[in-house]
Protein backbone atom coordinates (compact mmCIF):
# COMPACT_ATOMS: atom_id res chain seq x y z
CA UNK A 1 -1.06 33.45 -20.45
CA UNK A 2 1.17 30.44 -19.96
CA UNK A 3 5.08 30.64 -19.78
CA UNK A 4 5.66 29.85 -23.54
CA UNK A 5 3.33 32.87 -24.42
CA UNK A 6 5.44 34.95 -21.97
CA UNK A 7 8.80 33.61 -23.68
CA UNK A 8 7.33 34.46 -26.92
CA UNK A 9 6.43 37.93 -26.18
CA UNK A 10 10.01 38.50 -24.60
CA UNK A 11 11.47 37.14 -27.87
CA UNK A 12 9.22 39.67 -29.87
CA UNK A 13 9.95 42.57 -27.73
CA UNK A 14 13.67 42.21 -28.07
CA UNK A 15 13.38 41.68 -31.81
CA UNK A 16 11.08 44.85 -32.08
CA UNK A 17 13.72 47.07 -30.41
CA UNK A 18 11.25 48.95 -28.40
CA UNK A 19 11.88 50.09 -24.82
CA UNK A 20 8.64 49.08 -23.00
CA UNK A 21 5.72 47.14 -23.92
CA UNK A 22 2.52 46.55 -21.74
CA UNK A 23 0.33 43.94 -21.98
CA UNK A 24 -3.32 43.94 -20.20
CA UNK A 25 -6.13 41.50 -19.93
CA UNK A 26 -8.95 41.72 -17.43
CA UNK A 27 -7.09 38.59 -15.49
CA UNK A 28 -3.51 39.44 -16.47
CA UNK A 29 -0.90 42.40 -16.84
CA UNK A 30 2.75 42.14 -18.06
CA UNK A 31 5.04 44.90 -18.68
CA UNK A 32 8.45 44.16 -20.35
CA UNK A 33 11.06 47.05 -20.41
CA UNK A 34 14.34 46.96 -22.29
CA UNK A 35 17.37 48.89 -22.04
CA UNK A 36 17.05 50.85 -25.20
CA UNK A 37 17.19 54.89 -25.73
CA UNK A 38 18.54 56.73 -22.56
CA UNK A 39 18.63 53.92 -20.05
CA UNK A 40 22.18 53.16 -19.09
CA UNK A 41 23.68 50.01 -20.55
CA UNK A 42 26.92 48.35 -19.31
CA UNK A 43 29.01 46.28 -21.50
CA UNK A 44 31.45 43.67 -20.69
CA UNK A 45 34.85 44.02 -22.54
CA UNK A 46 35.54 41.16 -24.57
CA UNK A 47 39.16 39.66 -24.17
CA UNK A 48 41.65 40.24 -27.02
CA UNK A 49 42.88 37.30 -29.12
CA UNK A 50 46.07 37.65 -30.93
CA UNK A 51 47.45 35.46 -33.65
CA UNK A 52 50.66 34.75 -34.43
CA UNK A 53 52.20 33.59 -37.74
CA UNK A 54 52.44 29.93 -37.99
CA UNK A 55 55.99 28.48 -38.18
CA UNK A 56 56.86 27.37 -41.76
CA UNK A 57 59.73 24.78 -40.64
CA UNK A 58 57.28 21.67 -40.36
CA UNK A 59 57.24 19.30 -43.07
CA UNK A 60 54.20 18.68 -45.17
CA UNK A 61 53.86 14.90 -44.84
CA UNK A 62 53.76 14.42 -41.03
CA UNK A 63 51.19 17.17 -40.77
CA UNK A 64 48.56 15.60 -43.10
CA UNK A 65 48.19 12.31 -40.71
CA UNK A 66 48.09 14.42 -37.76
CA UNK A 67 45.18 16.54 -39.07
CA UNK A 68 43.10 13.22 -40.13
CA UNK A 69 43.16 11.88 -36.68
CA UNK A 70 41.25 14.90 -34.77
CA UNK A 71 38.93 14.82 -37.84
CA UNK A 72 38.10 11.33 -37.37
CA UNK A 73 37.81 11.88 -33.51
CA UNK A 74 35.17 14.47 -33.92
CA UNK A 75 33.21 12.32 -36.37
CA UNK A 76 33.01 9.65 -33.71
CA UNK A 77 31.81 11.82 -30.93
CA UNK A 78 29.42 13.31 -33.21
CA UNK A 79 28.18 9.56 -34.07
CA UNK A 80 28.17 8.73 -30.48
CA UNK A 81 26.24 11.79 -29.34
CA UNK A 82 23.46 11.32 -31.98
CA UNK A 83 21.71 8.68 -30.00
CA UNK A 84 21.30 11.34 -27.25
CA UNK A 85 18.30 13.59 -26.67
CA UNK A 86 19.33 17.19 -26.29
CA UNK A 87 17.37 19.61 -23.83
CA UNK A 88 17.69 23.07 -25.22
CA UNK A 89 17.06 26.67 -24.15
CA UNK A 90 13.66 27.97 -24.66
CA UNK A 91 14.78 31.60 -24.26
CA UNK A 92 17.69 34.02 -24.08
CA UNK A 93 19.20 34.60 -20.64
CA UNK A 94 21.60 33.33 -18.12
CA UNK A 95 21.83 29.75 -17.28
CA UNK A 96 22.21 28.64 -13.61
CA UNK A 97 22.44 24.81 -12.33
CA UNK A 98 21.12 25.97 -8.92
CA UNK A 99 17.75 27.56 -7.66
CA UNK A 100 20.06 29.81 -5.33
CA UNK A 101 23.81 30.29 -4.57
CA UNK A 102 23.45 28.41 -1.31
CA UNK A 103 21.40 25.39 -2.74
CA UNK A 104 22.60 22.28 -4.42
CA UNK A 105 22.72 21.72 -8.11
CA UNK A 106 19.15 20.72 -9.96
CA UNK A 107 21.18 17.64 -11.71
CA UNK A 108 24.73 16.11 -12.22
CA UNK A 109 25.97 13.94 -14.89
CA UNK A 110 24.77 10.53 -14.36
CA UNK A 111 21.61 11.59 -12.76
CA UNK A 112 18.23 10.36 -13.85
CA UNK A 113 15.48 12.86 -14.78
CA UNK A 114 11.76 12.29 -15.57
CA UNK A 115 9.65 14.56 -17.75
CA UNK A 116 8.47 17.73 -15.81
CA UNK A 117 11.88 17.66 -13.58
CA UNK A 118 13.55 20.75 -13.21
CA UNK A 119 17.16 20.67 -14.65
CA UNK A 120 18.07 24.50 -14.45
CA UNK A 121 17.03 27.77 -14.17
CA UNK A 122 17.46 30.72 -16.88
CA UNK A 123 17.21 34.39 -15.73
CA UNK A 124 15.72 36.56 -18.31
CA UNK A 125 14.83 40.31 -17.45
CA UNK A 126 15.20 39.70 -13.63
CA UNK A 127 12.49 36.53 -14.02
CA UNK A 128 13.94 33.24 -12.98
CA UNK A 129 12.34 30.63 -15.26
CA UNK A 130 12.41 26.98 -14.26
CA UNK A 131 13.54 24.96 -17.00
CA UNK A 132 11.79 21.42 -17.01
CA UNK A 133 12.99 18.10 -18.80
CA UNK A 134 10.73 17.19 -21.76
CA UNK A 135 12.39 13.70 -21.79
CA UNK A 136 13.15 10.89 -19.45
CA UNK A 137 16.61 9.37 -19.18
CA UNK A 138 19.89 10.02 -17.63
CA UNK A 139 22.16 12.96 -18.18
CA UNK A 140 25.10 12.25 -19.94
CA UNK A 141 26.82 15.81 -20.55
CA UNK A 142 26.06 19.31 -19.27
CA UNK A 143 26.91 21.63 -22.25
CA UNK A 144 26.93 24.90 -20.70
CA UNK A 145 28.88 26.34 -17.68
CA UNK A 146 27.03 27.88 -14.63
CA UNK A 147 26.27 31.69 -14.62
CA UNK A 148 26.62 31.99 -18.43
CA UNK A 149 24.56 33.58 -21.21
CA UNK A 150 22.50 31.31 -23.17
CA UNK A 151 20.83 32.13 -26.67
CA UNK A 152 17.30 30.65 -27.53
CA UNK A 153 17.62 26.88 -28.84
CA UNK A 154 21.08 26.63 -27.43
CA UNK A 155 21.73 23.02 -26.22
CA UNK A 156 22.10 22.55 -22.57
CA UNK A 157 22.24 18.95 -21.67
CA UNK A 158 22.59 15.72 -23.23
CA UNK A 159 20.14 13.01 -22.10
CA UNK A 160 20.40 9.05 -22.93
CA UNK A 161 16.58 8.16 -23.03
CA UNK A 162 17.43 4.25 -22.59
């Protein structure tokens, strides 16, 4: 069983909402446990966001050109980023840029990567999975902060293949 099969099994278990799955062959055995049922689960409270009513004193004419400028900037940025290749998360977990707290980061913006080079680690269910680059090029942008949760297929890095 390779890492992709294990990742698919983890995704299946999380979607099936079961508390434990054991898979065993003559050469391999894996047990996946999830915090369902009577297991204690700790939740982190989300920050409260308060919205205030907008001020109605602003005239309508100056607002329109100001609103058009950010939209144009977003279109330019999207067109500029379309030439880059995205390295995406192959699983749900916690994204780490370092192999250990006392070690250096795997890659920084401007570093060159080749196919198979480890670019980050994603922790899923107490397992640290090394994520390798599938493309060669230069890291242009890191899209995720260190030690933050990531979703399946979430963009992590932008790579310039040229």
